[in-house]
PDB file of N, CA and C in Angstrom:
ATOM      1  N   MET A   1     -86.662 -13.497  15.347  1.00  0.00           N
ATOM      2  CA  MET A   1     -85.353 -14.056  15.669  1.00  0.00           C
ATOM      3  C   MET A   1     -84.269 -13.020  15.407  1.00  0.00           C
ATOM      4  N   GLU A   2     -83.295 -12.993  16.267  1.00  0.00           N
ATOM      5  CA  GLU A   2     -82.216 -12.049  16.119  1.00  0.00           C
ATOM      6  C   GLU A   2     -81.216 -12.524  15.035  1.00  0.00           C
ATOM      7  N   PRO A   3     -80.532 -11.571  14.415  1.00  0.00           N
ATOM      8  CA  PRO A   3     -79.559 -11.917  13.338  1.00  0.00           C
ATOM      9  C   PRO A   3     -78.419 -12.801  13.834  1.00  0.00           C
ATOM     10  N   VAL A   4     -78.083 -12.700  15.104  1.00  0.00           N
ATOM     11  CA  VAL A   4     -76.984 -13.555  15.635  1.00  0.00           C
ATOM     12  C   VAL A   4     -77.331 -15.032  15.507  1.00  0.00           C
ATOM     13  N   TYR A   5     -78.583 -15.346  15.746  1.00  0.00           N
ATOM     14  CA  TYR A   5     -78.993 -16.734  15.646  1.00  0.00           C
ATOM     15  C   TYR A   5     -78.903 -17.240  14.207  1.00  0.00           C
ATOM     16  N   TYR A   6     -79.170 -16.402  13.242  1.00  0.00           N
ATOM     17  CA  TYR A   6     -79.024 -16.783  11.859  1.00  0.00           C
ATOM     18  C   TYR A   6     -77.587 -17.041  11.497  1.00  0.00           C
ATOM     19  N   VAL A   7     -76.688 -16.254  12.041  1.00  0.00           N
ATOM     20  CA  VAL A   7     -75.278 -16.445  11.779  1.00  0.00           C
ATOM     21  C   VAL A   7     -74.826 -17.810  12.332  1.00  0.00           C
ATOM     22  N   TRP A   8     -75.208 -18.096  13.573  1.00  0.00           N
ATOM     23  CA  TRP A   8     -74.825 -19.358  14.177  1.00  0.00           C
ATOM     24  C   TRP A   8     -75.459 -20.540  13.405  1.00  0.00           C
ATOM     25  N   PHE A   9     -76.700 -20.383  12.990  1.00  0.00           N
ATOM     26  CA  PHE A   9     -77.354 -21.436  12.219  1.00  0.00           C
ATOM     27  C   PHE A   9     -76.607 -21.655  10.912  1.00  0.00           C
ATOM     28  N   LEU A  10     -76.185 -20.595  10.256  1.00  0.00           N
ATOM     29  CA  LEU A  10     -75.431 -20.706   9.007  1.00  0.00           C
ATOM     30  C   LEU A  10     -74.098 -21.423   9.203  1.00  0.00           C
ATOM     31  N   ILE A  11     -73.401 -21.088  10.302  1.00  0.00           N
ATOM     32  CA  ILE A  11     -72.108 -21.742  10.572  1.00  0.00           C
ATOM     33  C   ILE A  11     -72.314 -23.255  10.790  1.00  0.00           C
ATOM     34  N   PHE A  12     -73.268 -23.616  11.648  1.00  0.00           N
ATOM     35  CA  PHE A  12     -73.513 -25.017  11.915  1.00  0.00           C
ATOM     36  C   PHE A  12     -74.013 -25.734  10.659  1.00  0.00           C
ATOM     37  N   ALA A  13     -74.794 -25.079   9.853  1.00  0.00           N
ATOM     38  CA  ALA A  13     -75.290 -25.686   8.621  1.00  0.00           C
ATOM     39  C   ALA A  13     -74.102 -26.006   7.686  1.00  0.00           C
ATOM     40  N   LEU A  14     -73.177 -25.050   7.574  1.00  0.00           N
ATOM     41  CA  LEU A  14     -71.989 -25.276   6.701  1.00  0.00           C
ATOM     42  C   LEU A  14     -71.121 -26.388   7.241  1.00  0.00           C
ATOM     43  N   VAL A  15     -70.901 -26.451   8.563  1.00  0.00           N
ATOM     44  CA  VAL A  15     -70.139 -27.508   9.118  1.00  0.00           C
ATOM     45  C   VAL A  15     -70.778 -28.854   8.872  1.00  0.00           C
ATOM     46  N   LEU A  16     -72.107 -28.924   9.093  1.00  0.00           N
ATOM     47  CA  LEU A  16     -72.833 -30.167   8.877  1.00  0.00           C
ATOM     48  C   LEU A  16     -72.761 -30.576   7.390  1.00  0.00           C
ATOM     49  N   TYR A  17     -72.861 -29.625   6.497  1.00  0.00           N
ATOM     50  CA  TYR A  17     -72.760 -29.909   5.093  1.00  0.00           C
ATOM     51  C   TYR A  17     -71.383 -30.501   4.734  1.00  0.00           C
ATOM     52  N   PHE A  18     -70.327 -29.866   5.227  1.00  0.00           N
ATOM     53  CA  PHE A  18     -68.973 -30.367   4.928  1.00  0.00           C
ATOM     54  C   PHE A  18     -68.748 -31.739   5.551  1.00  0.00           C
ATOM     55  N   ILE A  19     -69.311 -31.995   6.725  1.00  0.00           N
ATOM     56  CA  ILE A  19     -69.167 -33.293   7.369  1.00  0.00           C
ATOM     57  C   ILE A  19     -69.848 -34.384   6.537  1.00  0.00           C
ATOM     58  N   THR A  20     -71.019 -34.059   6.009  1.00  0.00           N
ATOM     59  CA  THR A  20     -71.718 -35.083   5.229  1.00  0.00           C
ATOM     60  C   THR A  20     -71.080 -35.314   3.845  1.00  0.00           C
ATOM     61  N   VAL A  21     -70.489 -34.268   3.296  1.00  0.00           N
ATOM     62  CA  VAL A  21     -69.900 -34.381   1.941  1.00  0.00           C
ATOM     63  C   VAL A  21     -68.551 -35.074   1.975  1.00  0.00           C
ATOM     64  N   ASP A  22     -67.677 -34.645   2.903  1.00  0.00           N
ATOM     65  CA  ASP A  22     -66.281 -35.167   2.897  1.00  0.00           C
ATOM     66  C   ASP A  22     -66.044 -35.968   4.173  1.00  0.00           C
ATOM     67  N   LYS A  23     -65.514 -37.195   3.965  1.00  0.00           N
ATOM     68  CA  LYS A  23     -65.235 -38.085   5.075  1.00  0.00           C
ATOM     69  C   LYS A  23     -64.094 -37.540   5.968  1.00  0.00           C
ATOM     70  N   ASN A  24     -63.090 -36.898   5.338  1.00  0.00           N
ATOM     71  CA  ASN A  24     -61.981 -36.390   6.098  1.00  0.00           C
ATOM     72  C   ASN A  24     -62.384 -35.271   7.084  1.00  0.00           C
ATOM     73  N   VAL A  25     -63.358 -34.477   6.664  1.00  0.00           N
ATOM     74  CA  VAL A  25     -63.802 -33.416   7.535  1.00  0.00           C
ATOM     75  C   VAL A  25     -64.476 -34.022   8.771  1.00  0.00           C
ATOM     76  N   ALA A  26     -65.216 -35.097   8.597  1.00  0.00           N
ATOM     77  CA  ALA A  26     -65.857 -35.769   9.763  1.00  0.00           C
ATOM     78  C   ALA A  26     -64.803 -36.319  10.694  1.00  0.00           C
ATOM     79  N   GLN A  27     -63.742 -36.929  10.169  1.00  0.00           N
ATOM     80  CA  GLN A  27     -62.659 -37.440  11.013  1.00  0.00           C
ATOM     81  C   GLN A  27     -61.931 -36.268  11.702  1.00  0.00           C
ATOM     82  N   TYR A  28     -61.723 -35.195  11.006  1.00  0.00           N
ATOM     83  CA  TYR A  28     -61.060 -34.018  11.583  1.00  0.00           C
ATOM     84  C   TYR A  28     -61.929 -33.478  12.730  1.00  0.00           C
ATOM     85  N   TYR A  29     -63.222 -33.416  12.528  1.00  0.00           N
ATOM     86  CA  TYR A  29     -64.127 -32.943  13.577  1.00  0.00           C
ATOM     87  C   TYR A  29     -64.058 -33.840  14.813  1.00  0.00           C
ATOM     88  N   ILE A  30     -64.014 -35.175  14.615  1.00  0.00           N
ATOM     89  CA  ILE A  30     -63.920 -36.100  15.743  1.00  0.00           C
ATOM     90  C   ILE A  30     -62.619 -35.898  16.485  1.00  0.00           C
ATOM     91  N   LEU A  31     -61.521 -35.724  15.737  1.00  0.00           N
ATOM     92  CA  LEU A  31     -60.216 -35.499  16.377  1.00  0.00           C
ATOM     93  C   LEU A  31     -60.228 -34.174  17.186  1.00  0.00           C
ATOM     94  N   LEU A  32     -60.856 -33.171  16.591  1.00  0.00           N
ATOM     95  CA  LEU A  32     -60.922 -31.869  17.290  1.00  0.00           C
ATOM     96  C   LEU A  32     -61.703 -31.980  18.604  1.00  0.00           C
ATOM     97  N   THR A  33     -62.785 -32.744  18.610  1.00  0.00           N
ATOM     98  CA  THR A  33     -63.588 -32.910  19.836  1.00  0.00           C
ATOM     99  C   THR A  33     -62.797 -33.708  20.873  1.00  0.00           C
ATOM    100  N   LYS A  34     -62.009 -34.687  20.444  1.00  0.00           N
ATOM    101  CA  LYS A  34     -61.193 -35.423  21.388  1.00  0.00           C
ATOM    102  C   LYS A  34     -60.065 -34.556  21.978  1.00  0.00           C
ATOM    103  N   ILE A  35     -59.472 -33.716  21.179  1.00  0.00           N
ATOM    104  CA  ILE A  35     -58.454 -32.796  21.657  1.00  0.00           C
ATOM    105  C   ILE A  35     -59.078 -31.808  22.679  1.00  0.00           C
ATOM    106  N   ALA A  36     -60.246 -31.315  22.329  1.00  0.00           N
ATOM    107  CA  ALA A  36     -60.926 -30.382  23.228  1.00  0.00           C
ATOM    108  C   ALA A  36     -61.224 -31.042  24.575  1.00  0.00           C
ATOM    109  N   GLU A  37     -61.658 -32.309  24.518  1.00  0.00           N
ATOM    110  CA  GLU A  37     -61.954 -33.058  25.748  1.00  0.00           C
ATOM    111  C   GLU A  37     -60.693 -33.245  26.563  1.00  0.00           C
ATOM    112  N   LEU A  38     -59.571 -33.565  25.935  1.00  0.00           N
ATOM    113  CA  LEU A  38     -58.292 -33.729  26.655  1.00  0.00           C
ATOM    114  C   LEU A  38     -57.841 -32.433  27.270  1.00  0.00           C
ATOM    115  N   TRP A  39     -58.001 -31.334  26.573  1.00  0.00           N
ATOM    116  CA  TRP A  39     -57.636 -30.033  27.138  1.00  0.00           C
ATOM    117  C   TRP A  39     -58.488 -29.734  28.376  1.00  0.00           C
ATOM    118  N   TYR A  40     -59.781 -30.070  28.272  1.00  0.00           N
ATOM    119  CA  TYR A  40     -60.698 -29.854  29.404  1.00  0.00           C
ATOM    120  C   TYR A  40     -60.283 -30.680  30.607  1.00  0.00           C
ATOM    121  N   ARG A  41     -59.999 -31.955  30.341  1.00  0.00           N
ATOM    122  CA  ARG A  41     -59.558 -32.836  31.462  1.00  0.00           C
ATOM    123  C   ARG A  41     -58.283 -32.356  32.095  1.00  0.00           C
ATOM    124  N   ARG A  42     -57.335 -31.893  31.267  1.00  0.00           N
ATOM    125  CA  ARG A  42     -56.052 -31.409  31.796  1.00  0.00           C
ATOM    126  C   ARG A  42     -56.293 -30.165  32.670  1.00  0.00           C
ATOM    127  N   ALA A  43     -57.101 -29.253  32.174  1.00  0.00           N
ATOM    128  CA  ALA A  43     -57.392 -28.061  32.936  1.00  0.00           C
ATOM    129  C   ALA A  43     -58.129 -28.398  34.229  1.00  0.00           C
ATOM    130  N   LYS A  44     -59.054 -29.332  34.160  1.00  0.00           N
ATOM    131  CA  LYS A  44     -59.783 -29.740  35.347  1.00  0.00           C
ATOM    132  C   LYS A  44     -58.832 -30.355  36.372  1.00  0.00           C
ATOM    133  N   TRP A  45     -57.888 -31.206  35.925  1.00  0.00           N
ATOM    134  CA  TRP A  45     -56.946 -31.823  36.826  1.00  0.00           C
ATOM    135  C   TRP A  45     -56.090 -30.751  37.438  1.00  0.00           C
ATOM    136  N   TRP A  46     -55.639 -29.787  36.633  1.00  0.00           N
ATOM    137  CA  TRP A  46     -54.774 -28.738  37.124  1.00  0.00           C
ATOM    138  C   TRP A  46     -55.445 -27.916  38.231  1.00  0.00           C
ATOM    139  N   VAL A  47     -56.709 -27.688  38.100  1.00  0.00           N
ATOM    140  CA  VAL A  47     -57.446 -26.915  39.101  1.00  0.00           C
ATOM    141  C   VAL A  47     -57.722 -27.743  40.350  1.00  0.00           C
ATOM    142  N   LEU A  48     -58.019 -29.045  40.184  1.00  0.00           N
ATOM    143  CA  LEU A  48     -58.441 -29.855  41.318  1.00  0.00           C
ATOM    144  C   LEU A  48     -57.321 -30.512  42.069  1.00  0.00           C
ATOM    145  N   TYR A  49     -56.182 -30.819  41.398  1.00  0.00           N
ATOM    146  CA  TYR A  49     -55.176 -31.687  42.043  1.00  0.00           C
ATOM    147  C   TYR A  49     -53.762 -31.103  42.051  1.00  0.00           C
ATOM    148  N   ASN A  50     -53.531 -29.989  41.479  1.00  0.00           N
ATOM    149  CA  ASN A  50     -52.188 -29.429  41.402  1.00  0.00           C
ATOM    150  C   ASN A  50     -51.748 -28.893  42.739  1.00  0.00           C
ATOM    151  N   PRO A  51     -50.652 -29.341  43.304  1.00  0.00           N
ATOM    152  CA  PRO A  51     -50.201 -28.854  44.647  1.00  0.00           C
ATOM    153  C   PRO A  51     -49.789 -27.372  44.626  1.00  0.00           C
ATOM    154  N   GLN A  52     -49.573 -26.783  43.479  1.00  0.00           N
ATOM    155  CA  GLN A  52     -49.221 -25.374  43.449  1.00  0.00           C
ATOM    156  C   GLN A  52     -50.428 -24.459  43.718  1.00  0.00           C
ATOM    157  N   ASN A  53     -51.605 -25.024  43.551  1.00  0.00           N
ATOM    158  CA  ASN A  53     -52.840 -24.311  43.838  1.00  0.00           C
ATOM    159  C   ASN A  53     -52.959 -24.144  45.344  1.00  0.00           C
ATOM    160  N   PRO A  54     -53.122 -22.904  45.868  1.00  0.00           N
ATOM    161  CA  PRO A  54     -53.118 -22.684  47.321  1.00  0.00           C
ATOM    162  C   PRO A  54     -54.261 -23.393  48.011  1.00  0.00           C
ATOM    163  N   ILE A  55     -55.396 -23.515  47.410  1.00  0.00           N
ATOM    164  CA  ILE A  55     -56.549 -24.194  48.040  1.00  0.00           C
ATOM    165  C   ILE A  55     -56.246 -25.671  48.172  1.00  0.00           C
ATOM    166  N   ILE A  56     -55.712 -26.250  47.130  1.00  0.00           N
ATOM    167  CA  ILE A  56     -55.362 -27.678  47.198  1.00  0.00           C
ATOM    168  C   ILE A  56     -54.189 -27.929  48.167  1.00  0.00           C
ATOM    169  N   LYS A  57     -53.306 -27.001  48.219  1.00  0.00           N
ATOM    170  CA  LYS A  57     -52.177 -27.076  49.170  1.00  0.00           C
ATOM    171  C   LYS A  57     -52.712 -27.118  50.585  1.00  0.00           C
ATOM    172  N   TYR A  58     -53.695 -26.267  50.905  1.00  0.00           N
ATOM    173  CA  TYR A  58     -54.304 -26.227  52.213  1.00  0.00           C
ATOM    174  C   TYR A  58     -55.026 -27.541  52.478  1.00  0.00           C
ATOM    175  N   MET A  59     -55.751 -28.086  51.497  1.00  0.00           N
ATOM    176  CA  MET A  59     -56.491 -29.344  51.692  1.00  0.00           C
ATOM    177  C   MET A  59     -55.519 -30.491  51.976  1.00  0.00           C
ATOM    178  N   ILE A  60     -54.391 -30.524  51.255  1.00  0.00           N
ATOM    179  CA  ILE A  60     -53.383 -31.558  51.499  1.00  0.00           C
ATOM    180  C   ILE A  60     -52.820 -31.418  52.887  1.00  0.00           C
ATOM    181  N   TRP A  61     -52.506 -30.177  53.296  1.00  0.00           N
ATOM    182  CA  TRP A  61     -51.950 -29.953  54.646  1.00  0.00           C
ATOM    183  C   TRP A  61     -52.957 -30.379  55.681  1.00  0.00           C
ATOM    184  N   ARG A  62     -54.221 -30.070  55.521  1.00  0.00           N
ATOM    185  CA  ARG A  62     -55.240 -30.420  56.516  1.00  0.00           C
ATOM    186  C   ARG A  62     -55.382 -31.935  56.626  1.00  0.00           C
ATOM    187  N   ARG A  63     -55.414 -32.599  55.496  1.00  0.00           N
ATOM    188  CA  ARG A  63     -55.509 -34.073  55.482  1.00  0.00           C
ATOM    189  C   ARG A  63     -54.305 -34.716  56.194  1.00  0.00           C
ATOM    190  N   SER A  64     -53.134 -34.175  55.891  1.00  0.00           N
ATOM    191  CA  SER A  64     -51.903 -34.699  56.488  1.00  0.00           C
ATOM    192  C   SER A  64     -51.901 -34.433  57.998  1.00  0.00           C
ATOM    193  N   PHE A  65     -52.378 -33.267  58.422  1.00  0.00           N
ATOM    194  CA  PHE A  65     -52.412 -32.928  59.836  1.00  0.00           C
ATOM    195  C   PHE A  65     -53.351 -33.864  60.584  1.00  0.00           C
ATOM    196  N   LYS A  66     -54.522 -34.137  60.007  1.00  0.00           N
ATOM    197  CA  LYS A  66     -55.463 -35.056  60.656  1.00  0.00           C
ATOM    198  C   LYS A  66     -54.884 -36.457  60.760  1.00  0.00           C
ATOM    199  N   MET A  67     -54.208 -36.889  59.689  1.00  0.00           N
ATOM    200  CA  MET A  67     -53.594 -38.206  59.719  1.00  0.00           C
ATOM    201  C   MET A  67     -52.501 -38.299  60.775  1.00  0.00           C
ATOM    202  N   ALA A  68     -51.714 -37.205  60.923  1.00  0.00           N
ATOM    203  CA  ALA A  68     -50.658 -37.189  61.929  1.00  0.00           C
ATOM    204  C   ALA A  68     -51.282 -37.248  63.351  1.00  0.00           C
ATOM    205  N   GLU A  69     -52.355 -36.536  63.564  1.00  0.00           N
ATOM    206  CA  GLU A  69     -53.010 -36.602  64.873  1.00  0.00           C
ATOM    207  C   GLU A  69     -53.522 -38.024  65.177  1.00  0.00           C
ATOM    208  N   LYS A  70     -54.082 -38.661  64.185  1.00  0.00           N
ATOM    209  CA  LYS A  70     -54.574 -40.060  64.368  1.00  0.00           C
ATOM    210  C   LYS A  70     -53.400 -40.973  64.735  1.00  0.00           C
ATOM    211  N   LEU A  71     -52.298 -40.819  63.988  1.00  0.00           N
ATOM    212  CA  LEU A  71     -51.128 -41.656  64.249  1.00  0.00           C
ATOM    213  C   LEU A  71     -50.569 -41.396  65.661  1.00  0.00           C
ATOM    214  N   GLN A  72     -50.499 -40.143  66.072  1.00  0.00           N
ATOM    215  CA  GLN A  72     -50.008 -39.842  67.433  1.00  0.00           C
ATOM    216  C   GLN A  72     -50.931 -40.475  68.499  1.00  0.00           C
ATOM    217  N   LYS A  73     -52.208 -40.383  68.306  1.00  0.00           N
ATOM    218  CA  LYS A  73     -53.160 -40.989  69.261  1.00  0.00           C
ATOM    219  C   LYS A  73     -52.972 -42.512  69.337  1.00  0.00           C
ATOM    220  N   SER A  74     -52.818 -43.123  68.157  1.00  0.00           N
ATOM    221  CA  SER A  74     -52.660 -44.594  68.131  1.00  0.00           C
ATOM    222  C   SER A  74     -51.285 -45.005  68.755  1.00  0.00           C
ATOM    223  N   ILE A  75     -50.302 -44.223  68.538  1.00  0.00           N
ATOM    224  CA  ILE A  75     -48.957 -44.542  69.140  1.00  0.00           C
ATOM    225  C   ILE A  75     -49.063 -44.381  70.638  1.00  0.00           C
ATOM    226  N   LYS A  76     -49.627 -43.347  71.139  1.00  0.00           N
ATOM    227  CA  LYS A  76     -49.810 -43.161  72.600  1.00  0.00           C
ATOM    228  C   LYS A  76     -50.658 -44.274  73.209  1.00  0.00           C
ATOM    229  N   LYS A  77     -51.686 -44.692  72.465  1.00  0.00           N
ATOM    230  CA  LYS A  77     -52.556 -45.734  72.957  1.00  0.00           C
ATOM    231  C   LYS A  77     -51.782 -47.057  73.079  1.00  0.00           C
ATOM    232  N   ASN A  78     -50.985 -47.341  72.054  1.00  0.00           N
ATOM    233  CA  ASN A  78     -50.164 -48.581  72.064  1.00  0.00           C
ATOM    234  C   ASN A  78     -49.110 -48.511  73.175  1.00  0.00           C
ATOM    235  N   GLU A  79     -48.512 -47.370  73.390  1.00  0.00           N
ATOM    236  CA  GLU A  79     -47.506 -47.216  74.476  1.00  0.00           C
ATOM    237  C   GLU A  79     -48.144 -47.415  75.833  1.00  0.00           C
ATOM    238  N   ASN A  80     -49.314 -46.879  76.001  1.00  0.00           N
ATOM    239  CA  ASN A  80     -50.040 -47.024  77.302  1.00  0.00           C
ATOM    240  C   ASN A  80     -50.494 -48.424  77.552  1.00  0.00           C
ATOM    241  N   SER A  81     -50.850 -49.151  76.510  1.00  0.00           N
ATOM    242  CA  SER A  81     -51.340 -50.504  76.708  1.00  0.00           C
ATOM    243  C   SER A  81     -50.149 -51.470  76.983  1.00  0.00           C
ATOM    244  N   LYS A  82     -48.949 -51.155  76.507  1.00  0.00           N
ATOM    245  CA  LYS A  82     -47.767 -52.018  76.798  1.00  0.00           C
ATOM    246  C   LYS A  82     -47.186 -51.721  78.148  1.00  0.00           C
ATOM    247  N   GLY A  83     -47.214 -50.472  78.563  1.00  0.00           N
ATOM    248  CA  GLY A  83     -46.531 -50.065  79.804  1.00  0.00           C
ATOM    249  C   GLY A  83     -47.396 -50.067  80.969  1.00  0.00           C
TER     250      GLY A  83
END
């Protein structure tokens, strides 16, 4: 086994020891994981839905363009059926 694995094992062993010994450390760990999850969700939303992102901007434009074409076709169809 490489020494790096021993270092990581030691770190996780210490964290686990402190979690089992002190109740506040366990609560702090839970809060840290919730904060990390919120940061991840915020970053994911920023990448997937932010209109300042050029890829998302193009996707919004394309969806709007297709919707406009559908609306124009339906308007022309309704005008032709009335007239």
